[in-house]
Amino acid sequence: VPTLVMTGDEDDHCLQPSIYLKKTLPAVGLAILPKTGHTLNLEEPALFNSLVADFIAQVEQGAWKVRDPRADPAQVMRTE
C-alpha cells in the first residue's frame, strides 16, 4: 500500500515511530518538515498540501513504487 509518513523535526515523540515505519513498510516515503511540530497541516499548510498532492498524483500515476531492494536497511550496512 503506498504510504506517506509526515512528521515535524520538532515532534520528538513521533520522529522515531516515523523512521520505524519508513524502515518497515515497503512502499513508504518519509517527509520530515523542518522547524515544525505535531500539527504539520496548521504550521506549514502550503508545504503539507504540496507534499500530499504530489503523493496522491504519484500514486494515481502508478509512480509510487516499493523501495528499491538496494536501499533495504539490512543490505546497506552489510560487510560481506
PDB file of N, CA and C in Angstrom:
ATOM      1  N   VAL A   1       0.850  -1.172   0.000  1.00  0.00           N
ATOM      2  CA  VAL A   1       0.000   0.000   0.000  1.00  0.00           C
ATOM      3  C   VAL A   1       0.900   1.240   0.000  1.00  0.00           C
ATOM      4  N   PRO A   2       0.733   2.128  -0.944  1.00  0.00           N
ATOM      5  CA  PRO A   2       1.511   3.370  -0.940  1.00  0.00           C
ATOM      6  C   PRO A   2       1.232   4.170   0.332  1.00  0.00           C
ATOM      7  N   THR A   3       2.296   4.652   0.945  1.00  0.00           N
ATOM      8  CA  THR A   3       2.167   5.354   2.209  1.00  0.00           C
ATOM      9  C   THR A   3       3.100   6.556   2.240  1.00  0.00           C
ATOM     10  N   LEU A   4       2.613   7.652   2.762  1.00  0.00           N
ATOM     11  CA  LEU A   4       3.440   8.827   3.005  1.00  0.00           C
ATOM     12  C   LEU A   4       3.361   9.138   4.494  1.00  0.00           C
ATOM     13  N   VAL A   5       4.490   9.056   5.162  1.00  0.00           N
ATOM     14  CA  VAL A   5       4.575   9.396   6.584  1.00  0.00           C
ATOM     15  C   VAL A   5       5.164  10.799   6.666  1.00  0.00           C
ATOM     16  N   MET A   6       4.501  11.664   7.410  1.00  0.00           N
ATOM     17  CA  MET A   6       4.965  13.036   7.548  1.00  0.00           C
ATOM     18  C   MET A   6       5.069  13.370   9.036  1.00  0.00           C
ATOM     19  N   THR A   7       6.154  14.039   9.389  1.00  0.00           N
ATOM     20  CA  THR A   7       6.336  14.458  10.770  1.00  0.00           C
ATOM     21  C   THR A   7       7.164  15.735  10.796  1.00  0.00           C
ATOM     22  N   GLY A   8       7.092  16.429  11.894  1.00  0.00           N
ATOM     23  CA  GLY A   8       7.911  17.622  12.077  1.00  0.00           C
ATOM     24  C   GLY A   8       9.178  17.273  12.825  1.00  0.00           C
ATOM     25  N   ASP A   9      10.266  17.961  12.526  1.00  0.00           N
ATOM     26  CA  ASP A   9      11.525  17.647  13.201  1.00  0.00           C
ATOM     27  C   ASP A   9      11.521  18.062  14.670  1.00  0.00           C
ATOM     28  N   GLU A  10      10.529  18.814  15.074  1.00  0.00           N
ATOM     29  CA  GLU A  10      10.408  19.200  16.479  1.00  0.00           C
ATOM     30  C   GLU A  10       9.335  18.389  17.206  1.00  0.00           C
ATOM     31  N   ASP A  11       8.802  17.383  16.546  1.00  0.00           N
ATOM     32  CA  ASP A  11       7.805  16.493  17.146  1.00  0.00           C
ATOM     33  C   ASP A  11       8.540  15.258  17.673  1.00  0.00           C
ATOM     34  N   ASP A  12       9.236  15.450  18.790  1.00  0.00           N
ATOM     35  CA  ASP A  12      10.149  14.427  19.322  1.00  0.00           C
ATOM     36  C   ASP A  12       9.512  13.049  19.479  1.00  0.00           C
ATOM     37  N   HIS A  13       8.271  12.989  19.914  1.00  0.00           N
ATOM     38  CA  HIS A  13       7.635  11.695  20.171  1.00  0.00           C
ATOM     39  C   HIS A  13       7.255  10.951  18.903  1.00  0.00           C
ATOM     40  N   CYS A  14       7.221  11.628  17.779  1.00  0.00           N
ATOM     41  CA  CYS A  14       6.810  10.979  16.529  1.00  0.00           C
ATOM     42  C   CYS A  14       7.969  10.691  15.580  1.00  0.00           C
ATOM     43  N   LEU A  15       9.140  11.240  15.833  1.00  0.00           N
ATOM     44  CA  LEU A  15      10.267  11.022  14.928  1.00  0.00           C
ATOM     45  C   LEU A  15      10.671   9.549  14.847  1.00  0.00           C
ATOM     46  N   GLN A  16      10.913   8.906  15.964  1.00  0.00           N
ATOM     47  CA  GLN A  16      11.338   7.502  15.940  1.00  0.00           C
ATOM     48  C   GLN A  16      10.273   6.586  15.345  1.00  0.00           C
ATOM     49  N   PRO A  17       8.989   6.724  15.718  1.00  0.00           N
ATOM     50  CA  PRO A  17       7.975   5.878  15.068  1.00  0.00           C
ATOM     51  C   PRO A  17       7.897   6.120  13.556  1.00  0.00           C
ATOM     52  N   SER A  18       8.097   7.346  13.123  1.00  0.00           N
ATOM     53  CA  SER A  18       8.073   7.643  11.691  1.00  0.00           C
ATOM     54  C   SER A  18       9.230   6.966  10.966  1.00  0.00           C
ATOM     55  N   ILE A  19      10.394   6.998  11.572  1.00  0.00           N
ATOM     56  CA  ILE A  19      11.560   6.332  10.986  1.00  0.00           C
ATOM     57  C   ILE A  19      11.347   4.816  10.981  1.00  0.00           C
ATOM     58  N   TYR A  20      10.756   4.291  12.025  1.00  0.00           N
ATOM     59  CA  TYR A  20      10.438   2.864  12.071  1.00  0.00           C
ATOM     60  C   TYR A  20       9.518   2.479  10.911  1.00  0.00           C
ATOM     61  N   LEU A  21       8.489   3.268  10.675  1.00  0.00           N
ATOM     62  CA  LEU A  21       7.577   2.980   9.567  1.00  0.00           C
ATOM     63  C   LEU A  21       8.315   3.037   8.237  1.00  0.00           C
ATOM     64  N   LYS A  22       9.208   4.006   8.074  1.00  0.00           N
ATOM     65  CA  LYS A  22       9.993   4.114   6.848  1.00  0.00           C
ATOM     66  C   LYS A  22      10.822   2.864   6.621  1.00  0.00           C
ATOM     67  N   LYS A  23      11.383   2.324   7.676  1.00  0.00           N
ATOM     68  CA  LYS A  23      12.221   1.132   7.559  1.00  0.00           C
ATOM     69  C   LYS A  23      11.399  -0.135   7.352  1.00  0.00           C
ATOM     70  N   THR A  24      10.137  -0.127   7.772  1.00  0.00           N
ATOM     71  CA  THR A  24       9.324  -1.339   7.814  1.00  0.00           C
ATOM     72  C   THR A  24       8.410  -1.518   6.606  1.00  0.00           C
ATOM     73  N   LEU A  25       7.770  -0.457   6.175  1.00  0.00           N
ATOM     74  CA  LEU A  25       6.802  -0.572   5.081  1.00  0.00           C
ATOM     75  C   LEU A  25       7.518  -0.532   3.729  1.00  0.00           C
ATOM     76  N   PRO A  26       7.103  -1.358   2.784  1.00  0.00           N
ATOM     77  CA  PRO A  26       7.826  -1.444   1.511  1.00  0.00           C
ATOM     78  C   PRO A  26       7.584  -0.285   0.539  1.00  0.00           C
ATOM     79  N   ALA A  27       6.451   0.382   0.629  1.00  0.00           N
ATOM     80  CA  ALA A  27       6.145   1.454  -0.324  1.00  0.00           C
ATOM     81  C   ALA A  27       5.875   2.758   0.416  1.00  0.00           C
ATOM     82  N   VAL A  28       6.822   3.146   1.261  1.00  0.00           N
ATOM     83  CA  VAL A  28       6.623   4.314   2.113  1.00  0.00           C
ATOM     84  C   VAL A  28       7.641   5.395   1.784  1.00  0.00           C
ATOM     85  N   GLY A  29       7.192   6.629   1.890  1.00  0.00           N
ATOM     86  CA  GLY A  29       8.076   7.780   1.808  1.00  0.00           C
ATOM     87  C   GLY A  29       7.985   8.523   3.129  1.00  0.00           C
ATOM     88  N   LEU A  30       9.066   9.160   3.511  1.00  0.00           N
ATOM     89  CA  LEU A  30       9.101   9.881   4.781  1.00  0.00           C
ATOM     90  C   LEU A  30       9.441  11.334   4.514  1.00  0.00           C
ATOM     91  N   ALA A  31       8.563  12.224   4.951  1.00  0.00           N
ATOM     92  CA  ALA A  31       8.807  13.662   4.842  1.00  0.00           C
ATOM     93  C   ALA A  31       8.950  14.210   6.258  1.00  0.00           C
ATOM     94  N   ILE A  32      10.098  14.806   6.531  1.00  0.00           N
ATOM     95  CA  ILE A  32      10.333  15.439   7.829  1.00  0.00           C
ATOM     96  C   ILE A  32      10.424  16.941   7.585  1.00  0.00           C
ATOM     97  N   LEU A  33       9.442  17.656   8.087  1.00  0.00           N
ATOM     98  CA  LEU A  33       9.379  19.094   7.869  1.00  0.00           C
ATOM     99  C   LEU A  33      10.220  19.824   8.906  1.00  0.00           C
ATOM    100  N   PRO A  34      11.093  20.703   8.467  1.00  0.00           N
ATOM    101  CA  PRO A  34      11.973  21.408   9.409  1.00  0.00           C
ATOM    102  C   PRO A  34      11.220  22.454  10.236  1.00  0.00           C
ATOM    103  N   LYS A  35      11.687  22.605  11.477  1.00  0.00           N
ATOM    104  CA  LYS A  35      11.150  23.617  12.388  1.00  0.00           C
ATOM    105  C   LYS A  35       9.634  23.507  12.533  1.00  0.00           C
ATOM    106  N   THR A  36       9.142  22.265  12.572  1.00  0.00           N
ATOM    107  CA  THR A  36       7.710  22.017  12.635  1.00  0.00           C
ATOM    108  C   THR A  36       7.436  20.999  13.739  1.00  0.00           C
ATOM    109  N   GLY A  37       6.314  21.179  14.421  1.00  0.00           N
ATOM    110  CA  GLY A  37       5.931  20.271  15.493  1.00  0.00           C
ATOM    111  C   GLY A  37       4.916  19.243  15.035  1.00  0.00           C
ATOM    112  N   HIS A  38       3.912  18.981  15.856  1.00  0.00           N
ATOM    113  CA  HIS A  38       2.949  17.911  15.616  1.00  0.00           C
ATOM    114  C   HIS A  38       1.826  18.298  14.653  1.00  0.00           C
ATOM    115  N   THR A  39       1.532  19.571  14.530  1.00  0.00           N
ATOM    116  CA  THR A  39       0.400  19.997  13.700  1.00  0.00           C
ATOM    117  C   THR A  39       0.901  20.530  12.355  1.00  0.00           C
ATOM    118  N   LEU A  40       1.429  19.630  11.548  1.00  0.00           N
ATOM    119  CA  LEU A  40       2.040  19.998  10.262  1.00  0.00           C
ATOM    120  C   LEU A  40       1.104  20.807   9.374  1.00  0.00           C
ATOM    121  N   ASN A  41      -0.126  20.341   9.272  1.00  0.00           N
ATOM    122  CA  ASN A  41      -1.069  20.992   8.367  1.00  0.00           C
ATOM    123  C   ASN A  41      -1.429  22.408   8.806  1.00  0.00           C
ATOM    124  N   LEU A  42      -1.262  22.712  10.079  1.00  0.00           N
ATOM    125  CA  LEU A  42      -1.541  24.061  10.566  1.00  0.00           C
ATOM    126  C   LEU A  42      -0.291  24.938  10.573  1.00  0.00           C
ATOM    127  N   GLU A  43       0.859  24.331  10.854  1.00  0.00           N
ATOM    128  CA  GLU A  43       2.100  25.092  10.938  1.00  0.00           C
ATOM    129  C   GLU A  43       2.692  25.402   9.565  1.00  0.00           C
ATOM    130  N   GLU A  44       2.581  24.465   8.640  1.00  0.00           N
ATOM    131  CA  GLU A  44       3.126  24.621   7.283  1.00  0.00           C
ATOM    132  C   GLU A  44       2.092  24.152   6.259  1.00  0.00           C
ATOM    133  N   PRO A  45       0.954  24.839   6.163  1.00  0.00           N
ATOM    134  CA  PRO A  45      -0.129  24.335   5.315  1.00  0.00           C
ATOM    135  C   PRO A  45       0.241  24.214   3.833  1.00  0.00           C
ATOM    136  N   ALA A  46       0.982  25.160   3.299  1.00  0.00           N
ATOM    137  CA  ALA A  46       1.321  25.100   1.873  1.00  0.00           C
ATOM    138  C   ALA A  46       2.232  23.907   1.577  1.00  0.00           C
ATOM    139  N   LEU A  47       3.249  23.713   2.395  1.00  0.00           N
ATOM    140  CA  LEU A  47       4.157  22.590   2.202  1.00  0.00           C
ATOM    141  C   LEU A  47       3.437  21.270   2.425  1.00  0.00           C
ATOM    142  N   PHE A  48       2.647  21.194   3.467  1.00  0.00           N
ATOM    143  CA  PHE A  48       1.868  19.990   3.749  1.00  0.00           C
ATOM    144  C   PHE A  48       0.977  19.633   2.563  1.00  0.00           C
ATOM    145  N   ASN A  49       0.206  20.606   2.081  1.00  0.00           N
ATOM    146  CA  ASN A  49      -0.699  20.357   0.955  1.00  0.00           C
ATOM    147  C   ASN A  49       0.061  19.964  -0.304  1.00  0.00           C
ATOM    148  N   SER A  50       1.197  20.580  -0.542  1.00  0.00           N
ATOM    149  CA  SER A  50       2.005  20.255  -1.711  1.00  0.00           C
ATOM    150  C   SER A  50       2.520  18.816  -1.647  1.00  0.00           C
ATOM    151  N   LEU A  51       3.023  18.422  -0.491  1.00  0.00           N
ATOM    152  CA  LEU A  51       3.524  17.053  -0.339  1.00  0.00           C
ATOM    153  C   LEU A  51       2.410  16.027  -0.507  1.00  0.00           C
ATOM    154  N   VAL A  52       1.257  16.295   0.070  1.00  0.00           N
ATOM    155  CA  VAL A  52       0.125  15.366  -0.056  1.00  0.00           C
ATOM    156  C   VAL A  52      -0.351  15.308  -1.507  1.00  0.00           C
ATOM    157  N   ALA A  53      -0.451  16.449  -2.165  1.00  0.00           N
ATOM    158  CA  ALA A  53      -0.889  16.477  -3.564  1.00  0.00           C
ATOM    159  C   ALA A  53       0.083  15.718  -4.459  1.00  0.00           C
ATOM    160  N   ASP A  54       1.389  15.913  -4.244  1.00  0.00           N
ATOM    161  CA  ASP A  54       2.393  15.188  -5.027  1.00  0.00           C
ATOM    162  C   ASP A  54       2.297  13.686  -4.790  1.00  0.00           C
ATOM    163  N   PHE A  55       2.104  13.299  -3.538  1.00  0.00           N
ATOM    164  CA  PHE A  55       1.964  11.885  -3.196  1.00  0.00           C
ATOM    165  C   PHE A  55       0.760  11.271  -3.914  1.00  0.00           C
ATOM    166  N   ILE A  56      -0.382  11.930  -3.822  1.00  0.00           N
ATOM    167  CA  ILE A  56      -1.602  11.415  -4.460  1.00  0.00           C
ATOM    168  C   ILE A  56      -1.414  11.318  -5.966  1.00  0.00           C
ATOM    169  N   ALA A  57      -0.814  12.332  -6.579  1.00  0.00           N
ATOM    170  CA  ALA A  57      -0.588  12.311  -8.029  1.00  0.00           C
ATOM    171  C   ALA A  57       0.313  11.147  -8.422  1.00  0.00           C
ATOM    172  N   GLN A  58       1.381  10.921  -7.664  1.00  0.00           N
ATOM    173  CA  GLN A  58       2.284   9.817  -7.981  1.00  0.00           C
ATOM    174  C   GLN A  58       1.591   8.463  -7.830  1.00  0.00           C
ATOM    175  N   VAL A  59       0.780   8.320  -6.790  1.00  0.00           N
ATOM    176  CA  VAL A  59       0.049   7.066  -6.594  1.00  0.00           C
ATOM    177  C   VAL A  59      -0.912   6.839  -7.752  1.00  0.00           C
ATOM    178  N   GLU A  60      -1.658   7.873  -8.135  1.00  0.00           N
ATOM    179  CA  GLU A  60      -2.615   7.741  -9.229  1.00  0.00           C
ATOM    180  C   GLU A  60      -1.941   7.392 -10.555  1.00  0.00           C
ATOM    181  N   GLN A  61      -0.704   7.859 -10.758  1.00  0.00           N
ATOM    182  CA  GLN A  61       0.035   7.576 -11.991  1.00  0.00           C
ATOM    183  C   GLN A  61       0.792   6.248 -11.930  1.00  0.00           C
ATOM    184  N   GLY A  62       0.740   5.589 -10.790  1.00  0.00           N
ATOM    185  CA  GLY A  62       1.472   4.344 -10.624  1.00  0.00           C
ATOM    186  C   GLY A  62       2.963   4.558 -10.460  1.00  0.00           C
ATOM    187  N   ALA A  63       3.359   5.755 -10.097  1.00  0.00           N
ATOM    188  CA  ALA A  63       4.774   6.099  -9.979  1.00  0.00           C
ATOM    189  C   ALA A  63       5.316   5.936  -8.564  1.00  0.00           C
ATOM    190  N   TRP A  64       4.455   5.637  -7.600  1.00  0.00           N
ATOM    191  CA  TRP A  64       4.906   5.462  -6.214  1.00  0.00           C
ATOM    192  C   TRP A  64       5.217   3.976  -6.043  1.00  0.00           C
ATOM    193  N   LYS A  65       6.462   3.633  -6.164  1.00  0.00           N
ATOM    194  CA  LYS A  65       6.886   2.235  -6.183  1.00  0.00           C
ATOM    195  C   LYS A  65       7.347   1.764  -4.807  1.00  0.00           C
ATOM    196  N   VAL A  66       7.542   0.458  -4.705  1.00  0.00           N
ATOM    197  CA  VAL A  66       8.111  -0.095  -3.480  1.00  0.00           C
ATOM    198  C   VAL A  66       9.590   0.269  -3.415  1.00  0.00           C
ATOM    199  N   ARG A  67      10.147   0.160  -2.234  1.00  0.00           N
ATOM    200  CA  ARG A  67      11.545   0.502  -2.002  1.00  0.00           C
ATOM    201  C   ARG A  67      12.452  -0.338  -2.902  1.00  0.00           C
ATOM    202  N   ASP A  68      13.455   0.292  -3.445  1.00  0.00           N
ATOM    203  CA  ASP A  68      14.491  -0.407  -4.204  1.00  0.00           C
ATOM    204  C   ASP A  68      15.206  -1.347  -3.229  1.00  0.00           C
ATOM    205  N   PRO A  69      15.324  -2.624  -3.551  1.00  0.00           N
ATOM    206  CA  PRO A  69      15.950  -3.567  -2.617  1.00  0.00           C
ATOM    207  C   PRO A  69      17.365  -3.155  -2.204  1.00  0.00           C
ATOM    208  N   ARG A  70      18.051  -2.396  -3.038  1.00  0.00           N
ATOM    209  CA  ARG A  70      19.402  -1.946  -2.688  1.00  0.00           C
ATOM    210  C   ARG A  70      19.383  -0.953  -1.536  1.00  0.00           C
ATOM    211  N   ALA A  71      18.222  -0.363  -1.236  1.00  0.00           N
ATOM    212  CA  ALA A  71      18.111   0.599  -0.143  1.00  0.00           C
ATOM    213  C   ALA A  71      17.608  -0.043   1.147  1.00  0.00           C
ATOM    214  N   ASP A  72      17.400  -1.351   1.137  1.00  0.00           N
ATOM    215  CA  ASP A  72      16.942  -2.062   2.326  1.00  0.00           C
ATOM    216  C   ASP A  72      17.956  -1.854   3.444  1.00  0.00           C
ATOM    217  N   PRO A  73      17.511  -1.367   4.604  1.00  0.00           N
ATOM    218  CA  PRO A  73      18.451  -1.110   5.704  1.00  0.00           C
ATOM    219  C   PRO A  73      19.300  -2.319   6.076  1.00  0.00           C
ATOM    220  N   ALA A  74      18.763  -3.511   5.914  1.00  0.00           N
ATOM    221  CA  ALA A  74      19.509  -4.730   6.246  1.00  0.00           C
ATOM    222  C   ALA A  74      20.624  -4.967   5.239  1.00  0.00           C
ATOM    223  N   GLN A  75      20.507  -4.405   4.039  1.00  0.00           N
ATOM    224  CA  GLN A  75      21.508  -4.611   2.995  1.00  0.00           C
ATOM    225  C   GLN A  75      22.569  -3.522   2.970  1.00  0.00           C
ATOM    226  N   VAL A  76      22.207  -2.323   3.346  1.00  0.00           N
ATOM    227  CA  VAL A  76      23.102  -1.173   3.213  1.00  0.00           C
ATOM    228  C   VAL A  76      24.371  -1.317   4.037  1.00  0.00           C
ATOM    229  N   MET A  77      24.247  -1.822   5.238  1.00  0.00           N
ATOM    230  CA  MET A  77      25.389  -1.864   6.154  1.00  0.00           C
ATOM    231  C   MET A  77      26.082  -3.234   6.183  1.00  0.00           C
ATOM    232  N   ARG A  78      25.810  -4.062   5.209  1.00  0.00           N
ATOM    233  CA  ARG A  78      26.459  -5.380   5.169  1.00  0.00           C
ATOM    234  C   ARG A  78      27.960  -5.225   4.961  1.00  0.00           C
ATOM    235  N   THR A  79      28.729  -6.125   5.528  1.00  0.00           N
ATOM    236  CA  THR A  79      30.178  -6.049   5.411  1.00  0.00           C
ATOM    237  C   THR A  79      30.759  -7.113   4.496  1.00  0.00           C
ATOM    238  N   GLU A  80      29.931  -7.978   3.944  1.00  0.00           N
ATOM    239  CA  GLU A  80      30.464  -9.030   3.087  1.00  0.00           C
ATOM    240  C   GLU A  80      30.750  -8.547   1.698  1.00  0.00           C
TER     241      GLU A  80
END
